[in-house]
PDB file of N, CA and C in Angstrom:
ATOM      1  N   MET A   1    -157.635  86.887  74.735  1.00  0.00           N
ATOM      2  CA  MET A   1    -157.720  85.684  74.595  1.00  0.00           C
ATOM      3  C   MET A   1    -158.542  85.205  73.025  1.00  0.00           C
ATOM      4  N   LYS A   2    -158.097  84.311  72.273  1.00  0.00           N
ATOM      5  CA  LYS A   2    -158.338  83.388  71.772  1.00  0.00           C
ATOM      6  C   LYS A   2    -159.523  82.592  71.922  1.00  0.00           C
ATOM      7  N   GLU A   3    -160.168  82.549  70.481  1.00  0.00           N
ATOM      8  CA  GLU A   3    -161.431  81.549  70.394  1.00  0.00           C
ATOM      9  C   GLU A   3    -160.802  80.614  70.353  1.00  0.00           C
ATOM     10  N   PRO A   4    -161.582  79.483  71.901  1.00  0.00           N
ATOM     11  CA  PRO A   4    -161.233  78.089  71.309  1.00  0.00           C
ATOM     12  C   PRO A   4    -161.523  77.442  69.366  1.00  0.00           C
ATOM     13  N   VAL A   5    -160.464  76.421  69.671  1.00  0.00           N
ATOM     14  CA  VAL A   5    -160.586  75.886  68.236  1.00  0.00           C
ATOM     15  C   VAL A   5    -161.342  74.275  68.375  1.00  0.00           C
ATOM     16  N   ALA A   6    -162.009  74.054  67.212  1.00  0.00           N
ATOM     17  CA  ALA A   6    -162.725  72.909  67.153  1.00  0.00           C
ATOM     18  C   ALA A   6    -162.007  72.300  65.878  1.00  0.00           C
ATOM     19  N   PRO A   7    -161.322  71.503  65.825  1.00  0.00           N
ATOM     20  CA  PRO A   7    -160.597  70.506  65.228  1.00  0.00           C
ATOM     21  C   PRO A   7    -161.611  69.690  64.498  1.00  0.00           C
ATOM     22  N   THR A   8    -161.487  69.505  63.252  1.00  0.00           N
ATOM     23  CA  THR A   8    -162.754  68.553  62.146  1.00  0.00           C
ATOM     24  C   THR A   8    -161.492  67.367  61.356  1.00  0.00           C
ATOM     25  N   ILE A   9    -162.055  66.051  61.736  1.00  0.00           N
ATOM     26  CA  ILE A   9    -161.826  65.225  60.385  1.00  0.00           C
ATOM     27  C   ILE A   9    -162.245  65.560  59.204  1.00  0.00           C
ATOM     28  N   ARG A  10    -161.104  65.600  58.435  1.00  0.00           N
ATOM     29  CA  ARG A  10    -162.035  65.540  56.764  1.00  0.00           C
ATOM     30  C   ARG A  10    -161.470  64.792  56.017  1.00  0.00           C
ATOM     31  N   LYS A  11    -161.710  64.442  54.833  1.00  0.00           N
ATOM     32  CA  LYS A  11    -161.600  63.632  53.668  1.00  0.00           C
ATOM     33  C   LYS A  11    -161.205  64.344  52.672  1.00  0.00           C
ATOM     34  N   GLY A  12    -160.566  63.574  51.551  1.00  0.00           N
ATOM     35  CA  GLY A  12    -160.074  64.036  50.132  1.00  0.00           C
ATOM     36  C   GLY A  12    -159.146  62.861  49.450  1.00  0.00           C
ATOM     37  N   THR A  13    -158.486  63.445  48.500  1.00  0.00           N
ATOM     38  CA  THR A  13    -157.797  62.843  47.561  1.00  0.00           C
ATOM     39  C   THR A  13    -156.720  63.483  47.143  1.00  0.00           C
ATOM     40  N   ILE A  14    -155.784  62.836  47.115  1.00  0.00           N
ATOM     41  CA  ILE A  14    -154.804  63.573  46.467  1.00  0.00           C
ATOM     42  C   ILE A  14    -154.342  63.066  45.099  1.00  0.00           C
ATOM     43  N   SER A  15    -154.199  64.433  44.524  1.00  0.00           N
ATOM     44  CA  SER A  15    -154.592  64.498  43.113  1.00  0.00           C
ATOM     45  C   SER A  15    -153.105  65.060  42.218  1.00  0.00           C
ATOM     46  N   ALA A  16    -152.722  65.533  42.959  1.00  0.00           N
ATOM     47  CA  ALA A  16    -150.761  65.370  42.875  1.00  0.00           C
ATOM     48  C   ALA A  16    -149.914  65.783  43.367  1.00  0.00           C
ATOM     49  N   LEU A  17    -148.631  65.385  43.290  1.00  0.00           N
ATOM     50  CA  LEU A  17    -148.049  65.051  44.206  1.00  0.00           C
ATOM     51  C   LEU A  17    -146.187  65.740  43.222  1.00  0.00           C
ATOM     52  N   THR A  18    -145.993  67.064  44.087  1.00  0.00           N
ATOM     53  CA  THR A  18    -145.071  67.531  43.505  1.00  0.00           C
ATOM     54  C   THR A  18    -143.459  67.647  44.070  1.00  0.00           C
ATOM     55  N   VAL A  19    -142.130  67.819  44.011  1.00  0.00           N
ATOM     56  CA  VAL A  19    -141.371  68.311  45.197  1.00  0.00           C
ATOM     57  C   VAL A  19    -140.948  69.756  44.581  1.00  0.00           C
ATOM     58  N   VAL A  20    -140.510  70.329  45.804  1.00  0.00           N
ATOM     59  CA  VAL A  20    -140.419  71.779  46.138  1.00  0.00           C
ATOM     60  C   VAL A  20    -138.758  72.046  46.358  1.00  0.00           C
ATOM     61  N   GLU A  21    -138.346  72.087  46.328  1.00  0.00           N
ATOM     62  CA  GLU A  21    -136.758  72.914  46.956  1.00  0.00           C
ATOM     63  C   GLU A  21    -137.217  73.971  48.316  1.00  0.00           C
ATOM     64  N   VAL A  22    -137.188  73.811  49.354  1.00  0.00           N
ATOM     65  CA  VAL A  22    -137.688  74.471  50.178  1.00  0.00           C
ATOM     66  C   VAL A  22    -136.282  75.400  51.068  1.00  0.00           C
ATOM     67  N   GLY A  23    -135.353  76.192  50.119  1.00  0.00           N
ATOM     68  CA  GLY A  23    -134.153  76.273  51.031  1.00  0.00           C
ATOM     69  C   GLY A  23    -132.797  75.191  49.864  1.00  0.00           C
ATOM     70  N   ALA A  24    -132.340  74.288  50.366  1.00  0.00           N
ATOM     71  CA  ALA A  24    -131.989  73.563  49.875  1.00  0.00           C
ATOM     72  C   ALA A  24    -131.947  72.290  49.912  1.00  0.00           C
ATOM     73  N   ILE A  25    -133.425  72.358  50.715  1.00  0.00           N
ATOM     74  CA  ILE A  25    -133.908  70.784  50.881  1.00  0.00           C
ATOM     75  C   ILE A  25    -135.496  70.378  50.170  1.00  0.00           C
ATOM     76  N   PRO A  26    -135.167  69.701  49.370  1.00  0.00           N
ATOM     77  CA  PRO A  26    -136.012  69.139  48.824  1.00  0.00           C
ATOM     78  C   PRO A  26    -137.619  68.441  49.509  1.00  0.00           C
ATOM     79  N   THR A  27    -138.333  68.903  49.282  1.00  0.00           N
ATOM     80  CA  THR A  27    -139.941  68.699  49.896  1.00  0.00           C
ATOM     81  C   THR A  27    -141.129  68.394  48.984  1.00  0.00           C
ATOM     82  N   THR A  28    -141.507  67.502  49.923  1.00  0.00           N
ATOM     83  CA  THR A  28    -142.677  67.055  48.687  1.00  0.00           C
ATOM     84  C   THR A  28    -144.069  67.340  48.944  1.00  0.00           C
ATOM     85  N   PHE A  29    -145.065  67.864  47.974  1.00  0.00           N
ATOM     86  CA  PHE A  29    -146.419  68.073  48.818  1.00  0.00           C
ATOM     87  C   PHE A  29    -146.930  67.351  48.005  1.00  0.00           C
ATOM     88  N   ALA A  30    -148.494  67.490  48.529  1.00  0.00           N
ATOM     89  CA  ALA A  30    -149.680  66.750  47.884  1.00  0.00           C
ATOM     90  C   ALA A  30    -150.863  67.819  47.604  1.00  0.00           C
ATOM     91  N   MET A  31    -151.378  67.535  46.248  1.00  0.00           N
ATOM     92  CA  MET A  31    -152.333  68.523  46.364  1.00  0.00           C
ATOM     93  C   MET A  31    -153.548  67.862  46.703  1.00  0.00           C
ATOM     94  N   VAL A  32    -154.106  68.066  47.491  1.00  0.00           N
ATOM     95  CA  VAL A  32    -155.486  66.729  48.489  1.00  0.00           C
ATOM     96  C   VAL A  32    -156.562  68.147  47.834  1.00  0.00           C
ATOM     97  N   THR A  33    -157.545  67.387  46.989  1.00  0.00           N
ATOM     98  CA  THR A  33    -158.830  67.403  46.758  1.00  0.00           C
ATOM     99  C   THR A  33    -159.566  67.212  47.817  1.00  0.00           C
ATOM    100  N   THR A  34    -160.642  68.329  48.827  1.00  0.00           N
ATOM    101  CA  THR A  34    -161.668  68.095  49.374  1.00  0.00           C
ATOM    102  C   THR A  34    -162.366  67.019  49.190  1.00  0.00           C
ATOM    103  N   GLU A  35    -163.126  66.414  50.093  1.00  0.00           N
ATOM    104  CA  GLU A  35    -164.304  65.677  49.944  1.00  0.00           C
ATOM    105  C   GLU A  35    -165.164  66.455  49.109  1.00  0.00           C
ATOM    106  N   GLY A  36    -165.832  65.980  47.994  1.00  0.00           N
ATOM    107  CA  GLY A  36    -167.136  67.234  47.211  1.00  0.00           C
ATOM    108  C   GLY A  36    -166.407  67.836  46.226  1.00  0.00           C
ATOM    109  N   CYS A  37    -165.224  67.915  46.136  1.00  0.00           N
ATOM    110  CA  CYS A  37    -164.111  68.889  45.360  1.00  0.00           C
ATOM    111  C   CYS A  37    -164.390  70.144  45.258  1.00  0.00           C
ATOM    112  N   SER A  38    -165.007  70.763  46.621  1.00  0.00           N
ATOM    113  CA  SER A  38    -165.224  71.803  47.223  1.00  0.00           C
ATOM    114  C   SER A  38    -163.841  72.775  47.325  1.00  0.00           C
ATOM    115  N   SER A  39    -163.044  72.417  47.257  1.00  0.00           N
ATOM    116  CA  SER A  39    -161.443  73.229  47.461  1.00  0.00           C
ATOM    117  C   SER A  39    -160.622  72.321  47.477  1.00  0.00           C
ATOM    118  N   ARG A  40    -159.150  73.043  47.217  1.00  0.00           N
ATOM    119  CA  ARG A  40    -158.175  72.006  47.032  1.00  0.00           C
ATOM    120  C   ARG A  40    -157.019  72.498  48.275  1.00  0.00           C
ATOM    121  N   LEU A  41    -156.667  71.842  48.958  1.00  0.00           N
ATOM    122  CA  LEU A  41    -155.235  72.238  49.829  1.00  0.00           C
ATOM    123  C   LEU A  41    -153.972  71.594  48.977  1.00  0.00           C
ATOM    124  N   ALA A  42    -152.804  72.398  49.437  1.00  0.00           N
ATOM    125  CA  ALA A  42    -151.501  72.034  49.478  1.00  0.00           C
ATOM    126  C   ALA A  42    -150.721  71.717  50.606  1.00  0.00           C
ATOM    127  N   VAL A  43    -150.424  70.171  50.603  1.00  0.00           N
ATOM    128  CA  VAL A  43    -150.037  69.689  52.072  1.00  0.00           C
ATOM    129  C   VAL A  43    -148.599  69.174  52.137  1.00  0.00           C
ATOM    130  N   ARG A  44    -147.673  69.927  52.853  1.00  0.00           N
ATOM    131  CA  ARG A  44    -146.337  69.527  52.752  1.00  0.00           C
ATOM    132  C   ARG A  44    -146.542  68.074  53.820  1.00  0.00           C
ATOM    133  N   ILE A  45    -145.421  67.203  52.721  1.00  0.00           N
ATOM    134  CA  ILE A  45    -146.185  65.580  53.454  1.00  0.00           C
ATOM    135  C   ILE A  45    -144.370  65.178  53.834  1.00  0.00           C
ATOM    136  N   GLY A  46    -142.728  66.540  53.577  1.00  0.00           N
ATOM    137  CA  GLY A  46    -141.723  65.672  53.921  1.00  0.00           C
ATOM    138  C   GLY A  46    -141.289  64.872  52.486  1.00  0.00           C
ATOM    139  N   ALA A  47    -140.593  64.280  52.902  1.00  0.00           N
ATOM    140  CA  ALA A  47    -139.760  63.177  52.267  1.00  0.00           C
ATOM    141  C   ALA A  47    -140.782  62.291  51.248  1.00  0.00           C
ATOM    142  N   ASN A  48    -142.090  61.790  52.194  1.00  0.00           N
ATOM    143  CA  ASN A  48    -142.539  61.032  51.434  1.00  0.00           C
ATOM    144  C   ASN A  48    -142.097  59.451  51.501  1.00  0.00           C
ATOM    145  N   CYS A  49    -141.523  59.041  52.641  1.00  0.00           N
ATOM    146  CA  CYS A  49    -141.105  58.023  52.229  1.00  0.00           C
ATOM    147  C   CYS A  49    -140.984  57.432  53.603  1.00  0.00           C
ATOM    148  N   THR A  50    -141.097  56.009  54.365  1.00  0.00           N
ATOM    149  CA  THR A  50    -140.984  55.875  55.607  1.00  0.00           C
ATOM    150  C   THR A  50    -139.263  55.652  55.993  1.00  0.00           C
ATOM    151  N   VAL A  51    -139.112  55.036  56.923  1.00  0.00           N
ATOM    152  CA  VAL A  51    -138.045  54.528  57.535  1.00  0.00           C
ATOM    153  C   VAL A  51    -137.344  54.071  56.765  1.00  0.00           C
ATOM    154  N   GLU A  52    -137.999  52.541  56.073  1.00  0.00           N
ATOM    155  CA  GLU A  52    -138.170  51.444  55.420  1.00  0.00           C
ATOM    156  C   GLU A  52    -136.988  52.381  53.755  1.00  0.00           C
ATOM    157  N   GLY A  53    -138.045  53.089  52.896  1.00  0.00           N
ATOM    158  CA  GLY A  53    -137.844  53.790  52.202  1.00  0.00           C
ATOM    159  C   GLY A  53    -138.988  53.830  51.593  1.00  0.00           C
ATOM    160  N   GLU A  54    -139.720  52.722  52.134  1.00  0.00           N
ATOM    161  CA  GLU A  54    -140.899  53.021  51.194  1.00  0.00           C
ATOM    162  C   GLU A  54    -141.763  54.121  50.835  1.00  0.00           C
ATOM    163  N   VAL A  55    -142.248  54.752  49.796  1.00  0.00           N
ATOM    164  CA  VAL A  55    -142.991  55.430  49.551  1.00  0.00           C
ATOM    165  C   VAL A  55    -144.613  55.236  50.231  1.00  0.00           C
ATOM    166  N   CYS A  56    -145.101  56.894  50.989  1.00  0.00           N
ATOM    167  CA  CYS A  56    -146.010  56.761  51.567  1.00  0.00           C
ATOM    168  C   CYS A  56    -147.476  57.192  50.597  1.00  0.00           C
ATOM    169  N   PHE A  57    -147.313  58.115  50.329  1.00  0.00           N
ATOM    170  CA  PHE A  57    -148.668  58.443  49.314  1.00  0.00           C
ATOM    171  C   PHE A  57    -148.525  58.441  47.853  1.00  0.00           C
ATOM    172  N   PHE A  58    -149.536  58.187  47.161  1.00  0.00           N
ATOM    173  CA  PHE A  58    -149.430  58.505  46.108  1.00  0.00           C
ATOM    174  C   PHE A  58    -150.842  59.464  45.428  1.00  0.00           C
ATOM    175  N   VAL A  59    -150.781  59.593  43.993  1.00  0.00           N
ATOM    176  CA  VAL A  59    -151.877  60.480  43.055  1.00  0.00           C
ATOM    177  C   VAL A  59    -153.097  59.085  43.309  1.00  0.00           C
ATOM    178  N   GLY A  60    -154.409  59.846  43.566  1.00  0.00           N
ATOM    179  CA  GLY A  60    -155.412  58.682  44.022  1.00  0.00           C
ATOM    180  C   GLY A  60    -155.416  58.693  44.986  1.00  0.00           C
ATOM    181  N   ASP A  61    -154.661  58.123  46.034  1.00  0.00           N
ATOM    182  CA  ASP A  61    -154.824  57.764  47.627  1.00  0.00           C
ATOM    183  C   ASP A  61    -156.102  58.697  48.382  1.00  0.00           C
ATOM    184  N   GLU A  62    -156.400  57.918  48.835  1.00  0.00           N
ATOM    185  CA  GLU A  62    -158.068  58.646  49.608  1.00  0.00           C
ATOM    186  C   GLU A  62    -157.162  58.905  50.916  1.00  0.00           C
ATOM    187  N   VAL A  63    -157.226  60.378  51.707  1.00  0.00           N
ATOM    188  CA  VAL A  63    -156.516  60.458  52.980  1.00  0.00           C
ATOM    189  C   VAL A  63    -157.503  60.869  53.662  1.00  0.00           C
ATOM    190  N   GLU A  64    -157.621  61.147  55.140  1.00  0.00           N
ATOM    191  CA  GLU A  64    -158.193  62.240  56.104  1.00  0.00           C
ATOM    192  C   GLU A  64    -156.864  62.773  56.788  1.00  0.00           C
ATOM    193  N   TYR A  65    -157.247  63.518  57.080  1.00  0.00           N
ATOM    194  CA  TYR A  65    -156.859  64.770  57.932  1.00  0.00           C
ATOM    195  C   TYR A  65    -157.372  65.280  58.938  1.00  0.00           C
ATOM    196  N   THR A  66    -156.959  65.997  60.002  1.00  0.00           N
ATOM    197  CA  THR A  66    -157.816  67.133  60.638  1.00  0.00           C
ATOM    198  C   THR A  66    -157.355  68.499  60.214  1.00  0.00           C
ATOM    199  N   LEU A  67    -158.439  69.152  59.758  1.00  0.00           N
ATOM    200  CA  LEU A  67    -158.609  70.330  59.881  1.00  0.00           C
ATOM    201  C   LEU A  67    -158.416  71.121  61.004  1.00  0.00           C
ATOM    202  N   ILE A  68    -157.697  72.359  61.192  1.00  0.00           N
ATOM    203  CA  ILE A  68    -157.983  73.118  62.471  1.00  0.00           C
ATOM    204  C   ILE A  68    -157.400  74.812  61.871  1.00  0.00           C
ATOM    205  N   GLN A  69    -159.379  75.359  62.099  1.00  0.00           N
ATOM    206  CA  GLN A  69    -159.132  76.674  61.015  1.00  0.00           C
ATOM    207  C   GLN A  69    -158.354  77.926  62.155  1.00  0.00           C
ATOM    208  N   GLY A  70    -157.596  78.371  61.268  1.00  0.00           N
ATOM    209  CA  GLY A  70    -157.017  79.614  62.090  1.00  0.00           C
ATOM    210  C   GLY A  70    -157.636  80.743  62.386  1.00  0.00           C
ATOM    211  N   ALA A  71    -157.152  81.710  62.931  1.00  0.00           N
ATOM    212  CA  ALA A  71    -158.072  82.669  63.396  1.00  0.00           C
ATOM    213  C   ALA A  71    -157.960  83.537  62.150  1.00  0.00           C
ATOM    214  N   ALA A  72    -158.765  84.609  62.369  1.00  0.00           N
ATOM    215  CA  ALA A  72    -159.232  85.614  61.128  1.00  0.00           C
ATOM    216  C   ALA A  72    -158.312  85.740  60.440  1.00  0.00           C
ATOM    217  N   GLY A  73    -157.965  86.119  59.062  1.00  0.00           N
ATOM    218  CA  GLY A  73    -157.468  85.622  58.135  1.00  0.00           C
ATOM    219  C   GLY A  73    -156.131  85.103  58.446  1.00  0.00           C
ATOM    220  N   GLU A  74    -155.734  83.704  59.030  1.00  0.00           N
ATOM    221  CA  GLU A  74    -154.877  83.251  58.583  1.00  0.00           C
ATOM    222  C   GLU A  74    -155.470  82.003  58.101  1.00  0.00           C
ATOM    223  N   PRO A  75    -154.529  81.197  57.398  1.00  0.00           N
ATOM    224  CA  PRO A  75    -155.364  79.947  56.799  1.00  0.00           C
ATOM    225  C   PRO A  75    -155.141  79.061  57.621  1.00  0.00           C
ATOM    226  N   PRO A  76    -156.076  77.858  57.330  1.00  0.00           N
ATOM    227  CA  PRO A  76    -156.075  76.819  58.050  1.00  0.00           C
ATOM    228  C   PRO A  76    -154.635  75.466  58.089  1.00  0.00           C
ATOM    229  N   ARG A  77    -155.214  74.894  59.383  1.00  0.00           N
ATOM    230  CA  ARG A  77    -154.057  73.431  59.426  1.00  0.00           C
ATOM    231  C   ARG A  77    -154.630  72.668  59.828  1.00  0.00           C
ATOM    232  N   ALA A  78    -153.489  71.861  58.689  1.00  0.00           N
ATOM    233  CA  ALA A  78    -153.697  70.445  58.059  1.00  0.00           C
ATOM    234  C   ALA A  78    -153.117  69.525  59.249  1.00  0.00           C
ATOM    235  N   ARG A  79    -153.504  68.355  60.170  1.00  0.00           N
ATOM    236  CA  ARG A  79    -152.474  68.170  60.879  1.00  0.00           C
ATOM    237  C   ARG A  79    -153.121  66.332  60.368  1.00  0.00           C
ATOM    238  N   ASP A  80    -152.112  65.728  60.702  1.00  0.00           N
ATOM    239  CA  ASP A  80    -152.632  64.299  60.909  1.00  0.00           C
ATOM    240  C   ASP A  80    -152.958  63.334  59.513  1.00  0.00           C
ATOM    241  N   LEU A  81    -152.023  64.226  58.156  1.00  0.00           N
ATOM    242  CA  LEU A  81    -152.640  63.719  57.231  1.00  0.00           C
ATOM    243  C   LEU A  81    -152.549  61.914  56.999  1.00  0.00           C
ATOM    244  N   MET A  82    -153.395  60.909  56.685  1.00  0.00           N
ATOM    245  CA  MET A  82    -153.025  59.613  56.993  1.00  0.00           C
ATOM    246  C   MET A  82    -153.978  58.994  55.474  1.00  0.00           C
ATOM    247  N   LYS A  83    -153.508  57.818  55.038  1.00  0.00           N
ATOM    248  CA  LYS A  83    -154.184  56.742  54.124  1.00  0.00           C
ATOM    249  C   LYS A  83    -155.939  57.038  54.880  1.00  0.00           C
ATOM    250  N   SER A  84    -157.018  56.908  53.933  1.00  0.00           N
ATOM    251  CA  SER A  84    -157.480  55.819  54.322  1.00  0.00           C
ATOM    252  C   SER A  84    -158.174  54.852  54.613  1.00  0.00           C
ATOM    253  N   GLY A  85    -158.891  54.266  55.097  1.00  0.00           N
ATOM    254  CA  GLY A  85    -159.343  52.971  54.897  1.00  0.00           C
ATOM    255  C   GLY A  85    -158.035  52.309  55.589  1.00  0.00           C
ATOM    256  N   ASN A  86    -157.417  50.977  54.694  1.00  0.00           N
ATOM    257  CA  ASN A  86    -156.562  49.971  55.613  1.00  0.00           C
ATOM    258  C   ASN A  86    -155.453  50.522  55.745  1.00  0.00           C
ATOM    259  N   HIS A  87    -155.179  51.702  55.412  1.00  0.00           N
ATOM    260  CA  HIS A  87    -154.167  52.209  55.072  1.00  0.00           C
ATOM    261  C   HIS A  87    -153.699  53.037  55.822  1.00  0.00           C
ATOM    262  N   ARG A  88    -153.723  52.804  56.874  1.00  0.00           N
ATOM    263  CA  ARG A  88    -153.083  54.072  58.034  1.00  0.00           C
ATOM    264  C   ARG A  88    -152.227  53.911  58.520  1.00  0.00           C
ATOM    265  N   ASP A  89    -151.039  53.518  57.851  1.00  0.00           N
ATOM    266  CA  ASP A  89    -149.777  53.400  58.292  1.00  0.00           C
ATOM    267  C   ASP A  89    -148.670  54.810  57.820  1.00  0.00           C
ATOM    268  N   ALA A  90    -149.256  55.846  57.399  1.00  0.00           N
ATOM    269  CA  ALA A  90    -148.378  56.790  57.250  1.00  0.00           C
ATOM    270  C   ALA A  90    -149.218  57.737  57.627  1.00  0.00           C
ATOM    271  N   ILE A  91    -148.635  58.709  58.292  1.00  0.00           N
ATOM    272  CA  ILE A  91    -149.194  59.667  59.523  1.00  0.00           C
ATOM    273  C   ILE A  91    -148.000  60.740  59.405  1.00  0.00           C
ATOM    274  N   ILE A  92    -148.290  62.220  58.900  1.00  0.00           N
ATOM    275  CA  ILE A  92    -147.739  63.096  58.552  1.00  0.00           C
ATOM    276  C   ILE A  92    -148.125  64.355  59.686  1.00  0.00           C
ATOM    277  N   ASP A  93    -147.701  65.007  60.099  1.00  0.00           N
ATOM    278  CA  ASP A  93    -148.114  66.383  60.892  1.00  0.00           C
ATOM    279  C   ASP A  93    -147.121  67.526  60.164  1.00  0.00           C
ATOM    280  N   GLU A  94    -148.313  68.288  59.317  1.00  0.00           N
ATOM    281  CA  GLU A  94    -148.143  69.756  58.548  1.00  0.00           C
ATOM    282  C   GLU A  94    -148.665  70.488  58.472  1.00  0.00           C
ATOM    283  N   TYR A  95    -148.486  70.965  57.531  1.00  0.00           N
ATOM    284  CA  TYR A  95    -149.031  72.860  57.885  1.00  0.00           C
ATOM    285  C   TYR A  95    -149.814  72.773  55.885  1.00  0.00           C
ATOM    286  N   CYS A  96    -150.819  73.184  55.858  1.00  0.00           N
ATOM    287  CA  CYS A  96    -151.312  73.376  54.769  1.00  0.00           C
ATOM    288  C   CYS A  96    -151.633  74.872  54.226  1.00  0.00           C
ATOM    289  N   HIS A  97    -152.390  75.004  53.222  1.00  0.00           N
ATOM    290  CA  HIS A  97    -152.621  76.291  52.606  1.00  0.00           C
ATOM    291  C   HIS A  97    -153.787  76.217  51.592  1.00  0.00           C
ATOM    292  N   PRO A  98    -155.117  76.919  52.189  1.00  0.00           N
ATOM    293  CA  PRO A  98    -156.023  76.739  50.927  1.00  0.00           C
ATOM    294  C   PRO A  98    -155.200  77.325  49.755  1.00  0.00           C
ATOM    295  N   ILE A  99    -155.826  76.516  48.262  1.00  0.00           N
ATOM    296  CA  ILE A  99    -155.407  77.197  47.001  1.00  0.00           C
ATOM    297  C   ILE A  99    -156.297  78.001  46.275  1.00  0.00           C
ATOM    298  N   ARG A 100    -156.374  79.429  46.148  1.00  0.00           N
ATOM    299  CA  ARG A 100    -157.403  79.877  45.753  1.00  0.00           C
ATOM    300  C   ARG A 100    -157.794  80.163  44.325  1.00  0.00           C
TER     301      ARG A 100
END
């Protein structure tokens, strides 16, 4: 039986955005520098636009995400990536990998 996992809310800042082709599908990744600059996460954010076609995330955006620690040897999962403060209109639920 797996140990229970306690999710935590973390904060960070988007330091870069890049588009990578996964298969034939372009996917946007955000490099998120964690609060205190202790580490960086590459977070897949998909198409990075709303249904109306507006861009959701920009470099320099302060964001919050829910971090769920993986089992031993597994990378953590980040869920509910959203802009901090008054910009909580863009919620993404994706996977992240720590950058070593």
